[in-house]
Amino acid sequence: MSRAFVFPGQGAQTIGMGKALAGAYPAAKAVFDEVDEALGQNLSALIWEGDQDELTLTQNAQPALMATSIAALRALETEGVTLEGAAQFVAGHSLGEYSALCAAGSIGLSDTARLLRTRGQAMQEAVPVGVGAMAALLGLDFEAASEIAHEAAQGEVCQAANDNDPAQVVVSGHKAAVERAVELAKARGAKRAILLPVSAPFHCSLMEHAAAVMAEALAGVVIAAPKVPVVVNVRAEAVTEPDKLRALLVAQVTGSVRWRESVLWLEGAGVGDFWEIGAGKALSGMIKRTAKGAETRAIGTPEDVAAAVAGLNG
């Protein structure tokens, strides 16, 4: 049975994440130190002792979650578990795709931190606060949610942004259009339809300015071939060519996160074991609802690292 390492996206951030890893593993602490230096900010202090609202700001949350994921990976490496030795594929949800590329050696840690800071700022600045919104439609499949989004648009933008699992789709766009989508979803039998506490409408055409900013930023960064194939959000299949990866990271800003399809692609490629590297367990839940026989493991603390190593050695 093959294994994939998967990396979480925005929403998983919590104050204190990665702190125990940094305390237990010098290699994990070095990740946070390098990210702090790359950003010219004491981001680790914010992550470990700061204010949740400040951490949740997109420009902070994105590099913070990446740093926590790579710190967890370095802890595994300290215990003798390498990515190329333990995993056949990597994938990440939205910003997690950058974590996956960093983990696979495609993009250096400092460059990844700076790219995510730029990405967070560009996504925030693309749409004035209050103009856009996102909502989760629960209990509807992607096709039904896409139809609702199209109907709710009424000349504005409303698109299916995240296809997370068979019964969780996130729509994104102009606030009024997204609110219309919520009401339509409720009328059509959604279990729940709720506006999300996000600061901008990610993964829709309103992010075109941010995509242009990222195209320029990515053009100045070295991207190497990954140590293992990366299953990318906008294609839901494995890609290894650096130039394609660069282009797809730009497309990802306005494109849908095809997470359900990515999990199904991995399942079809023989993956039955998914390790969620970093903060939280959100991806593990989505994976289990998508690939029914999948095994999942979340690795975000020293105890998780120990259990994972014991599991491999057992």
Protein backbone atom coordinates (compact mmCIF):
# COMPACT_ATOMS: atom_id res chain seq x y z
CA MET A 1 0.00 0.00 0.00
CA SER A 2 1.40 3.36 -1.02
CA ARG A 3 1.49 6.43 1.20
CA ALA A 4 0.97 10.15 0.58
CA PHE A 5 2.03 13.05 2.78
CA VAL A 6 -0.64 15.75 2.69
CA PHE A 7 -0.39 19.33 3.94
CA PRO A 8 -3.22 21.42 5.42
CA GLY A 9 -4.56 24.76 4.23
CA GLN A 10 -5.95 27.88 5.83
CA GLY A 11 -8.33 27.37 8.73
CA ALA A 12 -6.09 24.86 10.53
CA GLN A 13 -4.08 27.57 12.32
CA THR A 14 -4.10 27.65 16.14
CA ILE A 15 -2.01 29.51 18.67
CA GLY A 16 0.72 27.19 19.95
CA MET A 17 0.95 24.97 16.86
CA GLY A 18 4.43 23.58 16.37
CA LYS A 19 5.75 24.86 19.69
CA ALA A 20 6.23 21.41 21.23
CA LEU A 21 7.93 20.22 18.04
CA ALA A 22 10.36 23.16 18.17
CA GLY A 23 11.05 22.42 21.85
CA ALA A 24 11.73 18.74 21.22
CA TYR A 25 13.59 18.90 17.90
CA PRO A 26 16.34 21.41 17.03
CA ALA A 27 15.68 20.75 13.33
CA ALA A 28 12.06 21.82 13.81
CA LYS A 29 13.11 24.95 15.71
CA ALA A 30 15.48 25.80 12.85
CA VAL A 31 12.52 25.88 10.45
CA PHE A 32 10.75 28.58 12.48
CA ASP A 33 14.03 30.51 12.85
CA GLU A 34 14.60 30.47 9.09
CA VAL A 35 11.03 31.57 8.34
CA ASP A 36 11.32 34.41 10.88
CA GLU A 37 14.51 35.57 9.20
CA ALA A 38 13.12 35.25 5.67
CA LEU A 39 10.10 37.40 6.57
CA GLY A 40 11.94 39.85 8.81
CA GLN A 41 9.26 39.18 11.42
CA ASN A 42 9.08 37.22 14.67
CA LEU A 43 6.33 35.06 13.23
CA SER A 44 7.11 32.20 15.62
CA ALA A 45 6.24 34.42 18.61
CA LEU A 46 2.89 35.18 16.99
CA ILE A 47 2.28 31.48 16.27
CA TRP A 48 3.13 30.34 19.80
CA GLU A 49 1.97 33.18 22.05
CA GLY A 50 0.12 35.69 19.87
CA ASP A 51 -3.44 36.68 19.12
CA GLN A 52 -5.61 34.21 17.19
CA ASP A 53 -7.17 36.99 15.08
CA GLU A 54 -3.75 38.27 14.07
CA LEU A 55 -2.55 34.75 13.26
CA THR A 56 -5.67 34.22 11.14
CA LEU A 57 -4.81 37.17 8.88
CA THR A 58 -4.09 35.55 5.53
CA GLN A 59 -0.57 37.00 5.23
CA ASN A 60 0.34 35.45 8.60
CA ALA A 61 -1.65 32.21 8.48
CA GLN A 62 -0.19 31.04 5.18
CA PRO A 63 3.54 31.10 6.09
CA ALA A 64 2.72 30.02 9.67
CA LEU A 65 0.93 26.85 8.57
CA MET A 66 3.69 26.04 6.09
CA ALA A 67 6.37 26.49 8.78
CA THR A 68 4.47 24.17 11.14
CA SER A 69 4.17 21.51 8.44
CA ILE A 70 7.87 21.62 7.51
CA ALA A 71 8.82 21.58 11.22
CA ALA A 72 6.80 18.37 11.63
CA LEU A 73 8.53 16.91 8.59
CA ARG A 74 11.98 17.79 10.02
CA ALA A 75 11.01 16.08 13.27
CA LEU A 76 10.14 12.93 11.33
CA GLU A 77 13.47 13.17 9.50
CA THR A 78 15.30 13.42 12.83
CA GLU A 79 13.73 10.07 13.71
CA GLY A 80 14.90 8.56 10.43
CA VAL A 81 11.66 8.93 8.43
CA THR A 82 12.37 10.75 5.16
CA LEU A 83 9.74 11.91 2.71
CA GLU A 84 11.20 9.99 -0.23
CA GLY A 85 11.62 6.90 1.95
CA ALA A 86 8.12 6.94 3.42
CA ALA A 87 5.87 8.58 0.79
CA GLN A 88 5.21 7.99 -2.90
CA PHE A 89 3.27 11.25 -3.40
CA VAL A 90 2.66 14.64 -1.76
CA ALA A 91 -0.34 16.95 -2.01
CA GLY A 92 -1.54 20.06 -0.21
CA HIS A 93 -4.82 21.94 0.15
CA SER A 94 -4.50 25.44 -1.36
CA LEU A 95 -1.54 27.04 0.50
CA GLY A 96 -0.67 23.46 1.53
CA GLU A 97 0.48 22.89 -2.04
CA TYR A 98 3.39 25.24 -1.29
CA SER A 99 4.16 23.21 1.85
CA ALA A 100 4.10 20.06 -0.29
CA LEU A 101 6.50 21.58 -2.84
CA CYS A 102 8.84 22.75 -0.07
CA ALA A 103 8.70 19.30 1.56
CA ALA A 104 9.53 17.66 -1.78
CA GLY A 105 12.54 19.91 -2.30
CA SER A 106 11.07 21.88 -5.20
CA ILE A 107 11.16 25.29 -3.48
CA GLY A 108 13.53 26.34 -0.70
CA LEU A 109 12.10 27.11 2.74
CA SER A 110 12.93 30.84 2.73
CA ASP A 111 11.53 31.27 -0.78
CA THR A 112 8.37 29.37 0.20
CA ALA A 113 7.84 31.63 3.23
CA ARG A 114 8.28 34.79 1.13
CA LEU A 115 6.01 33.48 -1.62
CA LEU A 116 3.26 32.72 0.90
CA ARG A 117 3.60 36.16 2.50
CA THR A 118 3.24 37.70 -0.97
CA ARG A 119 0.35 35.37 -1.81
CA GLY A 120 -1.47 36.20 1.43
CA GLN A 121 -1.07 39.94 0.92
CA ALA A 122 -2.05 39.77 -2.75
CA MET A 123 -5.15 37.70 -2.04
CA GLN A 124 -6.14 40.10 0.73
CA GLU A 125 -5.61 43.18 -1.44
CA ALA A 126 -7.34 41.79 -4.54
CA VAL A 127 -10.81 42.51 -3.18
CA PRO A 128 -11.79 45.22 -0.64
CA VAL A 129 -12.87 43.78 2.73
CA GLY A 130 -16.62 43.17 2.77
CA VAL A 131 -17.01 42.92 -1.01
CA GLY A 132 -16.39 39.18 -1.23
CA ALA A 133 -17.35 36.13 0.78
CA MET A 134 -17.08 32.35 0.91
CA ALA A 135 -19.61 29.79 2.15
CA ALA A 136 -19.54 26.07 2.86
CA LEU A 137 -22.40 24.03 1.42
CA LEU A 138 -22.66 20.75 3.35
CA GLY A 139 -24.63 17.77 2.14
CA LEU A 140 -24.46 18.68 -1.56
CA ASP A 141 -22.10 17.25 -4.17
CA PHE A 142 -19.90 19.31 -6.50
CA GLU A 143 -22.34 19.21 -9.40
CA ALA A 144 -25.27 20.46 -7.29
CA ALA A 145 -23.13 23.15 -5.64
CA SER A 146 -21.82 24.32 -9.03
CA GLU A 147 -25.37 24.66 -10.36
CA ILE A 148 -26.35 26.68 -7.29
CA ALA A 149 -23.30 28.94 -7.66
CA HIS A 150 -24.09 29.56 -11.33
CA GLU A 151 -27.72 30.36 -10.53
CA ALA A 152 -26.80 32.63 -7.60
CA ALA A 153 -24.31 34.70 -9.60
CA GLN A 154 -26.91 36.87 -11.38
CA GLY A 155 -24.23 38.87 -13.17
CA GLU A 156 -21.84 38.80 -10.21
CA VAL A 157 -19.12 36.25 -9.44
CA CYS A 158 -20.08 33.06 -7.58
CA GLN A 159 -18.03 29.94 -8.22
CA ALA A 160 -17.45 26.54 -6.66
CA ALA A 161 -14.01 27.15 -5.12
CA ASN A 162 -13.18 24.08 -3.02
CA ASP A 163 -14.42 20.58 -3.82
CA ASN A 164 -13.39 19.17 -0.44
CA ASP A 165 -15.22 15.85 -0.20
CA PRO A 166 -18.42 14.22 -1.53
CA ALA A 167 -20.62 16.39 0.69
CA GLN A 168 -18.62 19.57 1.30
CA VAL A 169 -18.18 22.25 -1.34
CA VAL A 170 -17.12 25.85 -0.73
CA VAL A 171 -18.40 28.63 -2.99
CA SER A 172 -16.65 31.96 -3.42
CA GLY A 173 -17.41 35.34 -4.99
CA HIS A 174 -19.25 38.59 -4.43
CA LYS A 175 -20.85 38.71 -0.98
CA ALA A 176 -24.45 39.16 -2.18
CA ALA A 177 -24.09 36.32 -4.69
CA VAL A 178 -22.62 33.99 -2.08
CA GLU A 179 -25.46 34.87 0.30
CA ARG A 180 -27.93 33.98 -2.47
CA ALA A 181 -26.12 30.66 -2.90
CA VAL A 182 -26.53 29.93 0.82
CA GLU A 183 -30.30 30.47 0.62
CA LEU A 184 -30.59 28.39 -2.56
CA ALA A 185 -28.58 25.58 -0.99
CA LYS A 186 -30.82 25.51 2.08
CA ALA A 187 -33.89 25.38 -0.17
CA ARG A 188 -32.40 22.46 -2.09
CA GLY A 189 -31.73 20.22 0.86
CA ALA A 190 -28.24 21.13 2.04
CA LYS A 191 -27.64 19.89 5.58
CA ARG A 192 -25.98 23.22 6.35
CA ALA A 193 -24.97 26.28 4.36
CA ILE A 194 -22.84 28.77 6.26
CA LEU A 195 -20.75 31.83 5.51
CA LEU A 196 -17.09 31.25 6.41
CA PRO A 197 -14.99 33.60 8.58
CA VAL A 198 -12.51 34.47 5.83
CA SER A 199 -11.18 37.85 4.84
CA ALA A 200 -11.37 37.46 1.05
CA PRO A 201 -13.08 35.33 -1.67
CA PHE A 202 -10.31 32.87 -2.50
CA HIS A 203 -10.13 30.59 -5.57
CA CYS A 204 -12.46 32.51 -7.85
CA SER A 205 -12.06 35.00 -10.70
CA LEU A 206 -12.07 37.94 -8.25
CA MET A 207 -8.50 36.87 -7.42
CA GLU A 208 -7.12 37.74 -10.89
CA HIS A 209 -4.99 40.60 -9.51
CA ALA A 210 -3.45 38.21 -6.98
CA ALA A 211 -2.73 35.69 -9.76
CA ALA A 212 -0.81 38.37 -11.67
CA VAL A 213 1.20 39.23 -8.55
CA MET A 214 2.04 35.56 -7.99
CA ALA A 215 3.07 35.08 -11.63
CA GLU A 216 5.66 37.81 -11.15
CA ALA A 217 6.80 36.50 -7.74
CA LEU A 218 7.11 32.89 -8.96
CA ALA A 219 9.07 33.96 -12.04
CA GLY A 220 11.91 35.02 -9.74
CA VAL A 221 12.10 31.76 -7.76
CA VAL A 222 13.99 28.57 -8.54
CA ILE A 223 11.67 25.55 -8.76
CA ALA A 224 13.35 22.15 -8.93
CA ALA A 225 11.86 18.78 -9.83
CA PRO A 226 10.22 17.35 -6.68
CA LYS A 227 11.69 14.29 -4.94
CA VAL A 228 8.26 12.63 -5.27
CA PRO A 229 5.37 13.61 -7.57
CA VAL A 230 3.07 16.43 -6.41
CA VAL A 231 -0.68 15.99 -6.93
CA VAL A 232 -1.75 19.54 -7.77
CA ASN A 233 -5.03 21.26 -6.83
CA VAL A 234 -6.12 22.55 -10.23
CA ARG A 235 -5.40 19.34 -12.15
CA ALA A 236 -6.07 16.64 -9.52
CA GLU A 237 -3.17 14.58 -10.85
CA ALA A 238 0.55 14.22 -10.29
CA VAL A 239 2.95 16.73 -11.86
CA THR A 240 6.75 16.74 -11.68
CA GLU A 241 7.91 19.26 -14.34
CA PRO A 242 9.10 22.53 -12.71
CA ASP A 243 7.71 24.84 -15.41
CA LYS A 244 4.28 23.19 -15.18
CA LEU A 245 4.34 23.42 -11.39
CA ARG A 246 5.12 27.14 -11.63
CA ALA A 247 2.24 27.78 -14.06
CA LEU A 248 -0.18 25.70 -11.99
CA LEU A 249 0.65 27.65 -8.81
CA VAL A 250 -0.45 30.79 -10.67
CA ALA A 251 -3.61 29.09 -11.97
CA GLN A 252 -4.37 27.87 -8.44
CA VAL A 253 -5.05 31.43 -7.18
CA THR A 254 -8.22 31.74 -9.27
CA GLY A 255 -8.87 28.02 -9.87
CA SER A 256 -10.83 25.49 -7.86
CA VAL A 257 -9.14 23.34 -5.22
CA ARG A 258 -10.05 19.89 -6.55
CA TRP A 259 -9.28 18.09 -3.30
CA ARG A 260 -11.90 15.31 -3.57
CA GLU A 261 -10.67 14.45 -7.06
CA SER A 262 -7.05 14.62 -5.89
CA VAL A 263 -7.78 12.07 -3.15
CA LEU A 264 -9.57 9.82 -5.63
CA TRP A 265 -6.60 10.12 -8.03
CA LEU A 266 -4.25 9.10 -5.22
CA GLU A 267 -6.52 6.20 -4.28
CA GLY A 268 -6.47 5.10 -7.93
CA ALA A 269 -2.66 5.27 -7.87
CA GLY A 270 -2.61 2.79 -5.00
CA VAL A 271 -2.42 5.17 -2.02
CA GLY A 272 -4.28 3.90 1.03
CA ASP A 273 -2.32 5.60 3.81
CA PHE A 274 -2.40 9.38 4.21
CA TRP A 275 -0.24 11.29 6.69
CA GLU A 276 -1.45 14.83 7.41
CA ILE A 277 1.71 16.77 8.21
CA GLY A 278 1.27 19.90 10.34
CA ALA A 279 -1.65 21.55 12.11
CA GLY A 280 -5.03 19.95 12.67
CA LYS A 281 -6.92 17.00 11.22
CA ALA A 282 -9.26 18.65 8.71
CA LEU A 283 -7.80 16.88 5.67
CA SER A 284 -7.98 13.49 7.40
CA GLY A 285 -11.74 13.89 7.75
CA MET A 286 -12.16 14.90 4.10
CA ILE A 287 -10.00 11.98 2.97
CA LYS A 288 -11.97 9.40 4.98
CA ARG A 289 -15.26 10.71 3.56
CA THR A 290 -13.84 10.47 0.02
CA ALA A 291 -11.73 7.28 0.01
CA LYS A 292 -13.70 4.95 2.23
CA GLY A 293 -10.93 2.47 2.98
CA ALA A 294 -8.21 5.06 3.56
CA GLU A 295 -6.09 5.10 6.70
CA THR A 296 -5.08 8.52 8.01
CA ARG A 297 -2.60 9.81 10.57
CA ALA A 298 -2.14 13.42 11.74
CA ILE A 299 1.38 14.49 12.69
CA GLY A 300 1.63 17.78 14.53
CA THR A 301 3.19 17.01 17.93
CA PRO A 302 6.20 15.05 19.26
CA GLU A 303 3.77 12.35 20.42
CA ASP A 304 2.38 12.07 16.88
CA VAL A 305 5.92 11.74 15.52
CA ALA A 306 6.72 8.97 18.01
CA ALA A 307 3.51 7.10 17.16
CA ALA A 308 4.20 7.37 13.43
CA VAL A 309 7.75 6.07 13.81
CA ALA A 310 6.54 3.22 16.03
CA GLY A 311 3.89 2.37 13.46
CA LEU A 312 6.47 2.12 10.68
CA ASN A 313 8.83 0.06 12.80
CA GLY A 314 6.10 -2.17 14.14
